[in-house]
Amino acid sequence: MRIETASASRRATDARPPRVRSAVSNGRRLFVEGDGNSAWSRRYRDLTIAHVNDLGGRDALSEAQLSLVRRASAIECELEQMEGRLSRGETIDLDAFTRAAGHLRRILETLGLKRVARDVTPSVADYLAATRPTGLADSANGEASPRLRGREKLAGEAARGQARP
């Protein structure tokens, strides 16, 4: 059984047979030592895969970038555990928490991860106009029914950022 991680899809740059390489390098194990099936390990694997995908996939990353992704994933797991203890009312070392958060931010900046707004074309008004069900138009004069005109008005306001709370 292969561990599905970023390391499992490595390019064949190493000509050595798999039995000579590390189980971690071959993707059979997540860690050299430790439990690869714990909740922490499963979350770590999920975060690692998500970051690798955000960066364009395994083939687009160097080993150094993969190492930074793994470090970022480990720090995130630890921060999440600290946040869980806070949610139960337990005390944590806030200095360690904030330092870890700062380290995580710097690693993510180094990797170039940033949130970018998606293009949401067409606008809400265009989408509603394109998906207007037949039968909502007033058959007598071809105009939209009052109910549809109200929807179009709300869609237009939302598209202009004027939507009411």
Protein backbone atom coordinates (compact mmCIF):
# COMPACT_ATOMS: atom_id res chain seq x y z
CA MET A 1 0.00 0.00 0.00
CA ARG A 2 1.44 3.37 -1.02
CA ILE A 3 1.04 6.50 1.04
CA GLU A 4 -0.61 9.12 -1.17
CA THR A 5 1.52 12.16 -0.51
CA ALA A 6 3.44 14.66 -2.51
CA SER A 7 6.46 12.35 -2.35
CA ALA A 8 4.52 9.44 -3.87
CA SER A 9 4.51 11.01 -7.33
CA ARG A 10 8.22 11.77 -7.60
CA ARG A 11 9.84 11.85 -10.99
CA ALA A 12 12.22 9.03 -11.74
CA THR A 13 15.40 11.09 -11.31
CA ASP A 14 16.97 8.49 -9.03
CA ALA A 15 18.07 5.44 -10.99
CA ARG A 16 18.49 3.34 -7.84
CA PRO A 17 16.00 0.52 -7.38
CA PRO A 18 13.15 1.18 -4.91
CA ARG A 19 14.47 -1.35 -2.38
CA VAL A 20 17.64 0.72 -1.99
CA ARG A 21 15.75 3.96 -1.37
CA SER A 22 13.96 5.05 1.80
CA ALA A 23 10.33 4.00 2.32
CA VAL A 24 9.55 7.70 2.74
CA SER A 25 11.18 8.49 -0.63
CA ASN A 26 9.22 5.69 -2.29
CA GLY A 27 5.94 6.92 -0.79
CA ARG A 28 5.30 3.74 1.24
CA ARG A 29 5.57 5.60 4.56
CA LEU A 30 4.74 9.13 5.60
CA PHE A 31 7.52 9.48 8.20
CA VAL A 32 10.81 7.76 8.91
CA GLU A 33 9.53 7.13 12.44
CA GLY A 34 6.09 7.68 13.87
CA ASP A 35 2.50 6.72 13.23
CA GLY A 36 1.36 7.55 9.72
CA ASN A 37 -2.27 6.73 10.63
CA SER A 38 -2.84 9.13 13.55
CA ALA A 39 -5.27 12.04 13.27
CA TRP A 40 -2.28 14.40 13.26
CA SER A 41 -0.69 12.45 10.37
CA ARG A 42 -3.90 12.42 8.35
CA ARG A 43 -4.30 16.20 8.75
CA TYR A 44 -0.61 16.70 7.93
CA ARG A 45 -1.01 14.65 4.75
CA ASP A 46 -4.14 16.61 3.75
CA LEU A 47 -2.40 19.95 4.27
CA THR A 48 0.70 18.83 2.39
CA ILE A 49 -1.33 17.68 -0.60
CA ALA A 50 -3.40 20.90 -0.57
CA HIS A 51 -0.30 23.10 -0.54
CA VAL A 52 1.39 21.07 -3.28
CA ASN A 53 -1.76 21.43 -5.41
CA ASP A 54 -1.89 25.19 -4.72
CA LEU A 55 1.68 25.46 -6.01
CA GLY A 56 0.96 23.68 -9.28
CA GLY A 57 1.47 20.03 -8.40
CA ARG A 58 4.43 17.84 -7.50
CA ASP A 59 6.13 18.13 -10.88
CA ALA A 60 6.32 21.92 -10.54
CA LEU A 61 8.16 21.82 -7.17
CA SER A 62 11.76 21.34 -6.19
CA GLU A 63 12.79 19.18 -3.24
CA ALA A 64 13.51 22.37 -1.28
CA GLN A 65 9.98 23.62 -1.91
CA LEU A 66 8.55 20.25 -0.88
CA SER A 67 10.57 20.45 2.32
CA LEU A 68 9.11 23.89 3.06
CA VAL A 69 5.61 22.57 2.34
CA ARG A 70 6.15 19.74 4.83
CA ARG A 71 7.45 22.15 7.49
CA ALA A 72 4.49 24.48 6.92
CA SER A 73 2.06 21.55 7.22
CA ALA A 74 3.65 20.40 10.49
CA ILE A 75 3.48 23.92 11.96
CA GLU A 76 -0.17 24.21 10.87
CA CYS A 77 -1.01 20.93 12.60
CA GLU A 78 0.61 22.09 15.82
CA LEU A 79 -1.13 25.47 15.66
CA GLU A 80 -4.47 23.71 15.13
CA GLN A 81 -3.83 21.53 18.17
CA MET A 82 -3.07 24.63 20.26
CA GLU A 83 -6.25 26.27 18.98
CA GLY A 84 -8.19 23.16 19.99
CA ARG A 85 -6.80 23.40 23.53
CA LEU A 86 -7.78 27.09 23.63
CA SER A 87 -11.32 26.18 22.54
CA ARG A 88 -11.58 23.86 25.56
CA GLY A 89 -10.52 26.67 27.87
CA GLU A 90 -7.06 25.26 28.47
CA THR A 91 -4.01 27.47 28.64
CA ILE A 92 -1.28 27.40 26.03
CA ASP A 93 2.08 29.11 25.62
CA LEU A 94 0.97 32.18 23.63
CA ASP A 95 4.57 33.09 22.91
CA ALA A 96 5.15 29.71 21.26
CA PHE A 97 1.83 30.03 19.42
CA THR A 98 2.60 33.46 17.99
CA ARG A 99 6.18 32.51 17.07
CA ALA A 100 4.91 29.41 15.26
CA ALA A 101 2.31 31.51 13.43
CA GLY A 102 5.03 33.94 12.38
CA HIS A 103 7.24 31.10 11.14
CA LEU A 104 4.30 29.67 9.20
CA ARG A 105 3.62 33.04 7.56
CA ARG A 106 7.25 33.38 6.50
CA ILE A 107 7.37 29.88 5.05
CA LEU A 108 4.15 30.46 3.13
CA GLU A 109 5.49 33.79 1.83
CA THR A 110 8.70 32.06 0.73
CA LEU A 111 6.64 29.48 -1.14
CA GLY A 112 4.64 32.25 -2.77
CA LEU A 113 1.26 31.18 -1.50
CA LYS A 114 -1.17 34.05 -1.57
CA ARG A 115 -4.89 34.44 -1.85
CA VAL A 116 -5.89 35.70 -5.26
CA ALA A 117 -9.42 36.79 -6.11
CA ARG A 118 -11.07 34.60 -8.71
CA ASP A 119 -12.72 36.06 -11.79
CA VAL A 120 -16.41 35.37 -11.28
CA THR A 121 -17.62 36.08 -14.77
CA PRO A 122 -20.48 36.35 -15.64
CA SER A 123 -21.95 38.78 -13.15
CA VAL A 124 -24.88 37.73 -11.02
CA ALA A 125 -27.25 39.80 -13.19
CA ASP A 126 -25.93 38.17 -16.39
CA TYR A 127 -26.25 34.71 -14.88
CA LEU A 128 -29.84 35.31 -13.79
CA ALA A 129 -30.75 36.71 -17.20
CA ALA A 130 -29.25 33.66 -18.93
CA THR A 131 -30.98 31.20 -16.62
CA ARG A 132 -34.38 32.94 -16.58
CA PRO A 133 -36.98 30.22 -16.64
CA THR A 134 -39.59 30.45 -19.34
CA GLY A 135 -43.00 31.29 -18.02
CA LEU A 136 -41.82 34.06 -15.69
CA ALA A 137 -42.45 36.61 -18.41
CA ASP A 138 -45.84 38.25 -18.58
CA SER A 139 -47.32 36.56 -21.64
CA ALA A 140 -49.53 39.56 -22.50
CA ASN A 141 -46.78 42.09 -23.11
CA GLY A 142 -43.53 40.05 -22.97
CA GLU A 143 -42.23 41.86 -19.89
CA ALA A 144 -40.80 40.11 -16.86
CA SER A 145 -43.18 39.39 -14.03
CA PRO A 146 -42.98 41.60 -10.91
CA ARG A 147 -41.34 38.70 -9.04
CA LEU A 148 -38.60 38.40 -11.67
CA ARG A 149 -38.09 42.18 -11.83
CA GLY A 150 -37.50 42.12 -8.06
CA ARG A 151 -34.88 39.38 -8.47
CA GLU A 152 -33.17 41.28 -11.27
CA LYS A 153 -33.08 44.42 -9.11
CA LEU A 154 -31.44 42.50 -6.23
CA ALA A 155 -28.97 40.88 -8.63
CA GLY A 156 -28.05 44.28 -10.05
CA GLU A 157 -27.55 45.72 -6.57
CA ALA A 158 -25.39 42.75 -5.59
CA ALA A 159 -23.28 43.16 -8.72
CA ARG A 160 -22.71 46.83 -7.88
CA GLY A 161 -21.96 46.07 -4.24
CA GLN A 162 -25.11 47.81 -3.01
CA ALA A 163 -26.91 44.78 -1.63
CA ARG A 164 -28.92 45.29 1.51
CA PRO A 165 -28.04 43.30 4.64
